[in-house]
Amino acid sequence: MKTDKELKDIANQVFSCEKKAIENMGNLLDNNFPEAVKTLFLAKGRVIITGIGKSANIANKIVSTLNSTGTPAIFMHAADAIHGDLGIIQPDDVVICISKSGNTPEIKVLVPLIKNSGNTLIAIVGNTESYLASQADIVLNTTVEREADPNDLAPTASTTAQLVMGDALAVALIECRRFSATDFAKYHPGGALGKRLYMRVSDIYKNNERPLVAPDASIRDTILEMTGKRLGCTVVSGSDNVEGIITDGDLRRMLKSNATVESLKAADIMTKKPKTVCDTEFAATALAIMRNNSITQLVVTDAEGRYLGIIHLHDLLREGIV
């Protein structure tokens, strides 16, 4: 067994090899890339991505990325394609074929069938002298100097290069489509990611009590309000608008600074102009305000500044926003 140091050295060698492969891709980039992006952007059909072996795994990931960012895509295994799955391809579809060598038997059988159907063929290939490269309408070069393993055999740096090329296509298409965070949310409604993109403050604060005391409220009444509403704070206001907020921290500072508190009122210890968030904002925006100001509660208002309620960091934790 290798020592800990030797194992770390191996990892760093892999990182270095794959980093070098990615950095070199900038030197391989030519006008075929913008042509590929335009072809995919203007396509009336879907994007069919095919490959075999490890390239097939990369193809699946690129399909997922495209689907989640507004470009309809389908994976077609190169071996299955020549045994019946070729029917997946429709006349208006664009086909991307991924291969390191570009010369595997399955590719050599599949490519003529795609060409005969009249579909545009884009190759993501690591050998520009290969059969695939010679037959493709557009060639995206993902040649790597060597693989990361000591035998220069296992697909490592080459599959990383393929993956990065797929990401480059996807991001370019996001820019071309002006695909926004709101659009992204439509395709990711589940889980924490979806909640960050569609959940609003109004979806959360209504589950809480609405602590409120008048500016002339006694400290006793203020503490009772805070205790009863169980949010660690209360808003101070004599009208619809927010005049201030009192938190547990304000109470501690009050006790530290005053020998007697009987004569104090809520207005005497409140923090004026507290941080607020509009109820129509995303919950993720509320989280960002809390983090930027090192606070755990936010006053929720409507568009006119009227006090609606409180949103707490615990609410965001419970919803999985954090």
Protein backbone atom coordinates (compact mmCIF):
# COMPACT_ATOMS: atom_id res chain seq x y z
CA MET A 1 0.00 0.00 0.00
CA LYS A 2 1.18 3.52 -0.78
CA THR A 3 1.95 5.98 1.99
CA ASP A 4 -0.34 8.95 2.64
CA LYS A 5 2.17 11.28 1.01
CA GLU A 6 2.45 9.06 -2.07
CA LEU A 7 -1.33 8.94 -2.43
CA LYS A 8 -1.57 12.73 -2.18
CA ASP A 9 1.19 13.03 -4.78
CA ILE A 10 -0.79 10.78 -7.12
CA ALA A 11 -3.89 12.95 -6.69
CA ASN A 12 -1.89 16.10 -7.41
CA GLN A 13 -0.40 14.50 -10.53
CA VAL A 14 -3.90 13.71 -11.79
CA PHE A 15 -5.06 17.26 -11.03
CA SER A 16 -2.05 18.68 -12.84
CA CYS A 17 -2.53 16.46 -15.90
CA GLU A 18 -6.22 17.24 -16.26
CA LYS A 19 -5.70 20.94 -15.57
CA LYS A 20 -3.13 21.02 -18.37
CA ALA A 21 -5.55 19.27 -20.71
CA ILE A 22 -8.28 21.81 -19.99
CA GLU A 23 -5.95 24.80 -20.35
CA ASN A 24 -4.79 23.51 -23.73
CA MET A 25 -8.36 23.39 -25.01
CA GLY A 26 -8.24 27.15 -25.41
CA ASN A 27 -5.47 26.67 -27.97
CA LEU A 28 -7.59 24.13 -29.86
CA LEU A 29 -10.67 26.34 -30.02
CA ASP A 30 -11.47 27.62 -33.51
CA ASN A 31 -14.43 28.90 -35.51
CA ASN A 32 -16.06 25.48 -35.34
CA PHE A 33 -17.17 26.25 -31.79
CA PRO A 34 -19.33 29.32 -32.62
CA GLU A 35 -20.64 27.42 -35.65
CA ALA A 36 -21.67 24.55 -33.39
CA VAL A 37 -23.39 26.90 -30.92
CA LYS A 38 -25.31 28.65 -33.71
CA THR A 39 -26.34 25.31 -35.20
CA LEU A 40 -27.68 24.09 -31.86
CA PHE A 41 -29.36 27.41 -31.10
CA LEU A 42 -31.16 27.54 -34.45
CA ALA A 43 -32.08 23.85 -34.55
CA LYS A 44 -35.81 23.24 -34.94
CA GLY A 45 -35.50 19.79 -33.40
CA ARG A 46 -33.67 18.31 -30.45
CA VAL A 47 -30.04 17.59 -29.72
CA ILE A 48 -29.24 13.88 -29.89
CA ILE A 49 -25.95 13.04 -28.16
CA THR A 50 -24.31 9.68 -28.70
CA GLY A 51 -21.15 7.85 -27.75
CA ILE A 52 -19.87 4.54 -26.44
CA GLY A 53 -17.98 3.49 -23.34
CA LYS A 54 -16.84 6.35 -21.09
CA SER A 55 -17.80 8.84 -23.79
CA ALA A 56 -21.39 7.61 -23.43
CA ASN A 57 -21.29 8.50 -19.74
CA ILE A 58 -20.09 12.00 -20.62
CA ALA A 59 -22.84 12.25 -23.25
CA ASN A 60 -25.45 11.48 -20.58
CA LYS A 61 -24.16 14.26 -18.37
CA ILE A 62 -24.16 16.81 -21.21
CA VAL A 63 -27.73 15.78 -22.07
CA SER A 64 -28.76 16.48 -18.47
CA THR A 65 -27.07 19.88 -18.51
CA LEU A 66 -28.69 20.91 -21.78
CA ASN A 67 -32.16 19.76 -20.70
CA SER A 68 -31.89 21.71 -17.45
CA THR A 69 -30.87 24.89 -19.26
CA GLY A 70 -33.49 25.10 -21.98
CA THR A 71 -32.06 22.97 -24.80
CA PRO A 72 -34.05 19.75 -25.36
CA ALA A 73 -31.61 16.84 -25.59
CA ILE A 74 -31.74 13.03 -25.71
CA PHE A 75 -29.03 10.44 -25.13
CA MET A 76 -28.65 7.65 -27.70
CA HIS A 77 -26.10 4.91 -27.04
CA ALA A 78 -24.03 4.32 -30.17
CA ALA A 79 -24.24 0.52 -29.87
CA ASP A 80 -28.02 0.55 -29.30
CA ALA A 81 -28.49 2.98 -32.19
CA ILE A 82 -27.39 0.43 -34.75
CA HIS A 83 -29.69 -2.17 -33.19
CA GLY A 84 -32.97 -0.28 -33.36
CA ASP A 85 -32.59 2.98 -31.44
CA LEU A 86 -31.72 4.97 -34.54
CA GLY A 87 -35.42 5.81 -34.74
CA ILE A 88 -34.83 8.32 -31.95
CA ILE A 89 -33.37 10.72 -34.51
CA GLN A 90 -35.95 12.92 -36.23
CA PRO A 91 -35.37 15.01 -39.40
CA ASP A 92 -34.80 18.35 -37.62
CA ASP A 93 -32.53 16.97 -34.89
CA VAL A 94 -28.83 17.80 -34.56
CA VAL A 95 -26.57 14.90 -33.58
CA ILE A 96 -23.45 15.24 -31.41
CA CYS A 97 -21.14 12.25 -31.45
CA ILE A 98 -18.51 12.00 -28.70
CA SER A 99 -15.42 9.84 -29.09
CA LYS A 100 -11.76 9.99 -28.13
CA SER A 101 -10.43 7.95 -31.07
CA GLY A 102 -13.23 8.58 -33.54
CA ASN A 103 -12.52 5.18 -35.05
CA THR A 104 -14.48 2.66 -32.97
CA PRO A 105 -16.49 0.08 -34.96
CA GLU A 106 -19.82 1.32 -33.65
CA ILE A 107 -19.02 4.88 -34.70
CA LYS A 108 -18.00 3.78 -38.18
CA VAL A 109 -21.34 2.01 -38.61
CA LEU A 110 -23.44 4.77 -37.07
CA VAL A 111 -22.00 7.85 -38.78
CA PRO A 112 -23.04 6.95 -42.37
CA LEU A 113 -26.58 6.26 -41.16
CA ILE A 114 -26.75 9.72 -39.59
CA LYS A 115 -25.33 11.34 -42.71
CA ASN A 116 -27.78 9.51 -44.96
CA SER A 117 -30.65 10.91 -42.92
CA GLY A 118 -29.44 14.45 -43.60
CA ASN A 119 -28.96 15.43 -39.96
CA THR A 120 -26.17 17.83 -39.04
CA LEU A 121 -23.39 15.91 -37.26
CA ILE A 122 -21.17 17.59 -34.68
CA ALA A 123 -18.14 15.65 -33.48
CA ILE A 124 -16.53 16.11 -30.08
CA VAL A 125 -13.44 14.11 -30.84
CA GLY A 126 -9.89 13.65 -29.58
CA ASN A 127 -8.43 12.65 -32.95
CA THR A 128 -8.93 15.14 -35.77
CA GLU A 129 -7.52 12.63 -38.28
CA SER A 130 -10.17 10.04 -37.41
CA TYR A 131 -13.07 8.68 -39.42
CA LEU A 132 -15.56 10.59 -37.24
CA ALA A 133 -13.74 13.90 -37.74
CA SER A 134 -13.59 13.39 -41.49
CA GLN A 135 -17.33 12.76 -41.73
CA ALA A 136 -18.65 15.36 -39.28
CA ASP A 137 -20.09 18.68 -40.42
CA ILE A 138 -18.53 20.44 -37.42
CA VAL A 139 -15.51 19.21 -35.44
CA LEU A 140 -14.81 20.26 -31.84
CA ASN A 141 -11.27 19.24 -31.00
CA THR A 142 -10.74 17.70 -27.54
CA THR A 143 -7.30 16.23 -28.12
CA VAL A 144 -5.26 15.65 -24.95
CA GLU A 145 -1.52 15.07 -24.69
CA ARG A 146 -1.96 12.06 -22.42
CA GLU A 147 -4.31 10.44 -19.95
CA ALA A 148 -3.79 10.95 -16.23
CA ASP A 149 -3.10 7.31 -15.39
CA PRO A 150 0.50 5.98 -15.48
CA ASN A 151 -0.22 3.72 -18.45
CA ASP A 152 -1.80 6.51 -20.52
CA LEU A 153 -4.77 4.25 -21.16
CA ALA A 154 -7.71 4.92 -18.81
CA PRO A 155 -10.07 7.66 -20.06
CA THR A 156 -9.38 10.45 -17.56
CA ALA A 157 -8.02 13.65 -19.07
CA SER A 158 -9.82 12.90 -22.34
CA THR A 159 -13.24 12.53 -20.70
CA THR A 160 -12.62 15.67 -18.67
CA ALA A 161 -11.92 17.53 -21.91
CA GLN A 162 -15.15 16.17 -23.42
CA LEU A 163 -17.12 17.22 -20.37
CA VAL A 164 -15.67 20.73 -20.40
CA MET A 165 -16.49 21.11 -24.09
CA GLY A 166 -20.07 20.08 -23.36
CA ASP A 167 -20.26 22.62 -20.54
CA ALA A 168 -18.90 25.31 -22.85
CA LEU A 169 -21.65 24.56 -25.37
CA ALA A 170 -24.32 24.60 -22.66
CA VAL A 171 -23.18 27.90 -21.16
CA ALA A 172 -22.90 29.53 -24.58
CA LEU A 173 -26.48 28.43 -25.31
CA ILE A 174 -27.62 29.82 -21.94
CA GLU A 175 -26.19 33.18 -22.97
CA CYS A 176 -27.73 33.01 -26.43
CA ARG A 177 -31.15 32.12 -25.02
CA ARG A 178 -30.85 34.70 -22.24
CA PHE A 179 -31.80 31.89 -19.93
CA SER A 180 -32.53 33.48 -16.53
CA ALA A 181 -32.65 32.19 -12.97
CA THR A 182 -36.44 32.24 -13.27
CA ASP A 183 -36.23 30.01 -16.35
CA PHE A 184 -33.82 27.74 -14.50
CA ALA A 185 -36.31 27.39 -11.64
CA LYS A 186 -38.95 26.00 -14.03
CA TYR A 187 -36.71 23.00 -14.68
CA HIS A 188 -35.60 22.57 -11.04
CA PRO A 189 -38.76 22.79 -8.91
CA GLY A 190 -37.66 20.15 -6.40
CA GLY A 191 -35.17 20.14 -3.56
CA ALA A 192 -33.14 22.95 -2.06
CA LEU A 193 -32.06 24.31 -5.44
CA GLY A 194 -35.64 24.69 -6.60
CA LYS A 195 -36.66 26.40 -3.39
CA ARG A 196 -33.84 28.90 -3.68
CA LEU A 197 -35.07 29.81 -7.14
CA TYR A 198 -38.82 30.05 -6.63
CA MET A 199 -39.70 30.31 -2.92
CA ARG A 200 -40.65 33.83 -1.86
CA VAL A 201 -40.56 35.52 1.53
CA SER A 202 -44.38 35.55 1.42
CA ASP A 203 -44.38 31.75 1.33
CA ILE A 204 -42.59 31.59 4.68
CA TYR A 205 -43.26 34.52 7.01
CA LYS A 206 -47.02 33.87 7.23
CA ASN A 207 -46.32 30.73 9.28
CA ASN A 208 -44.91 32.92 12.08
CA GLU A 209 -46.57 35.07 14.69
CA ARG A 210 -46.52 38.87 14.19
CA PRO A 211 -44.78 40.38 17.24
CA LEU A 212 -45.58 44.06 17.76
CA VAL A 213 -45.43 46.58 20.61
CA ALA A 214 -46.11 50.31 20.74
CA PRO A 215 -43.20 52.72 21.25
CA ASP A 216 -44.44 53.49 24.79
CA ALA A 217 -44.81 49.83 25.79
CA SER A 218 -43.15 48.87 29.06
CA ILE A 219 -40.15 46.59 29.12
CA ARG A 220 -42.26 43.97 30.85
CA ASP A 221 -44.88 44.03 28.09
CA THR A 222 -42.11 43.97 25.48
CA ILE A 223 -40.54 40.86 27.00
CA LEU A 224 -43.93 39.16 27.25
CA GLU A 225 -44.61 39.91 23.57
CA MET A 226 -41.24 38.53 22.53
CA THR A 227 -41.69 35.44 24.71
CA GLY A 228 -45.21 34.76 23.50
CA LYS A 229 -44.42 35.11 19.79
CA ARG A 230 -41.19 33.04 20.16
CA LEU A 231 -39.15 34.75 17.45
CA GLY A 232 -36.53 36.39 19.61
CA CYS A 233 -37.66 39.87 18.62
CA THR A 234 -40.53 42.28 18.30
CA VAL A 235 -41.21 45.18 15.99
CA VAL A 236 -41.88 48.57 17.56
CA SER A 237 -44.52 50.65 15.82
CA GLY A 238 -47.44 52.91 16.54
CA SER A 239 -48.71 52.73 12.96
CA ASP A 240 -48.42 50.52 9.90
CA ASN A 241 -44.78 51.48 9.33
CA VAL A 242 -41.82 50.04 11.20
CA GLU A 243 -40.17 52.37 13.71
CA GLY A 244 -37.71 49.90 15.18
CA ILE A 245 -37.00 46.39 16.37
CA ILE A 246 -36.04 44.90 19.73
CA THR A 247 -34.12 41.64 19.82
CA ASP A 248 -32.80 39.40 22.59
CA GLY A 249 -29.48 41.15 22.10
CA ASP A 250 -31.06 44.55 22.75
CA LEU A 251 -32.47 43.26 26.02
CA ARG A 252 -29.07 41.99 27.15
CA ARG A 253 -27.44 45.30 26.27
CA MET A 254 -30.19 47.14 28.15
CA LEU A 255 -29.58 45.13 31.31
CA LYS A 256 -25.84 45.68 31.05
CA SER A 257 -26.22 49.46 30.62
CA ASN A 258 -29.04 50.23 33.07
CA ALA A 259 -29.26 49.64 36.80
CA THR A 260 -33.03 49.98 36.69
CA VAL A 261 -35.38 49.36 33.78
CA GLU A 262 -38.79 50.18 35.26
CA SER A 263 -38.89 53.64 33.64
CA LEU A 264 -37.70 52.49 30.21
CA LYS A 265 -40.02 52.11 27.23
CA ALA A 266 -39.71 50.08 24.05
CA ALA A 267 -38.66 53.16 22.08
CA ASP A 268 -35.73 53.68 24.46
CA ILE A 269 -34.02 50.38 23.64
CA MET A 270 -35.15 49.62 20.10
CA THR A 271 -32.83 49.55 17.12
CA LYS A 272 -34.07 52.19 14.69
CA LYS A 273 -34.38 51.54 10.95
CA PRO A 274 -34.01 47.75 11.14
CA LYS A 275 -33.16 45.65 8.11
CA THR A 276 -36.26 44.75 6.12
CA VAL A 277 -37.20 42.62 3.16
CA CYS A 278 -40.21 42.95 0.87
CA ASP A 279 -42.61 40.00 0.93
CA THR A 280 -42.29 39.59 -2.85
CA GLU A 281 -38.52 38.97 -2.70
CA PHE A 282 -37.02 35.49 -3.02
CA ALA A 283 -36.32 33.71 0.26
CA ALA A 284 -32.72 33.39 -0.93
CA THR A 285 -32.54 37.21 -0.97
CA ALA A 286 -33.64 37.30 2.66
CA LEU A 287 -30.88 34.83 3.49
CA ALA A 288 -28.29 37.00 1.74
CA ILE A 289 -29.39 40.07 3.73
CA MET A 290 -29.11 38.11 6.98
CA ARG A 291 -25.67 36.83 6.13
CA ASN A 292 -24.37 40.22 5.00
CA ASN A 293 -25.55 41.87 8.22
CA SER A 294 -24.88 38.97 10.65
CA ILE A 295 -28.49 38.88 11.86
CA THR A 296 -31.01 36.08 12.32
CA GLN A 297 -34.33 37.92 11.84
CA LEU A 298 -35.69 40.21 9.16
CA VAL A 299 -38.73 42.46 9.26
CA VAL A 300 -41.06 41.70 6.35
CA THR A 301 -42.89 44.60 4.72
CA ASP A 302 -45.04 45.11 1.68
CA ALA A 303 -44.05 47.31 -1.26
CA GLU A 304 -45.28 50.41 0.61
CA GLY A 305 -43.21 49.62 3.69
CA ARG A 306 -46.09 48.42 5.87
CA TYR A 307 -45.18 45.86 8.52
CA LEU A 308 -46.33 42.32 7.69
CA GLY A 309 -44.34 39.97 9.89
CA ILE A 310 -40.97 38.39 10.68
CA ILE A 311 -38.84 35.88 8.81
CA HIS A 312 -36.24 34.01 10.88
CA LEU A 313 -33.07 32.19 9.88
CA HIS A 314 -34.60 29.03 11.35
CA ASP A 315 -37.41 29.31 8.78
CA LEU A 316 -34.88 29.26 5.97
CA LEU A 317 -33.03 26.34 7.54
CA ARG A 318 -36.26 24.40 7.88
CA GLU A 319 -37.11 24.99 4.20
CA GLY A 320 -33.63 23.94 3.07
CA ILE A 321 -32.79 27.38 1.65
CA VAL A 322 -29.47 27.59 3.52
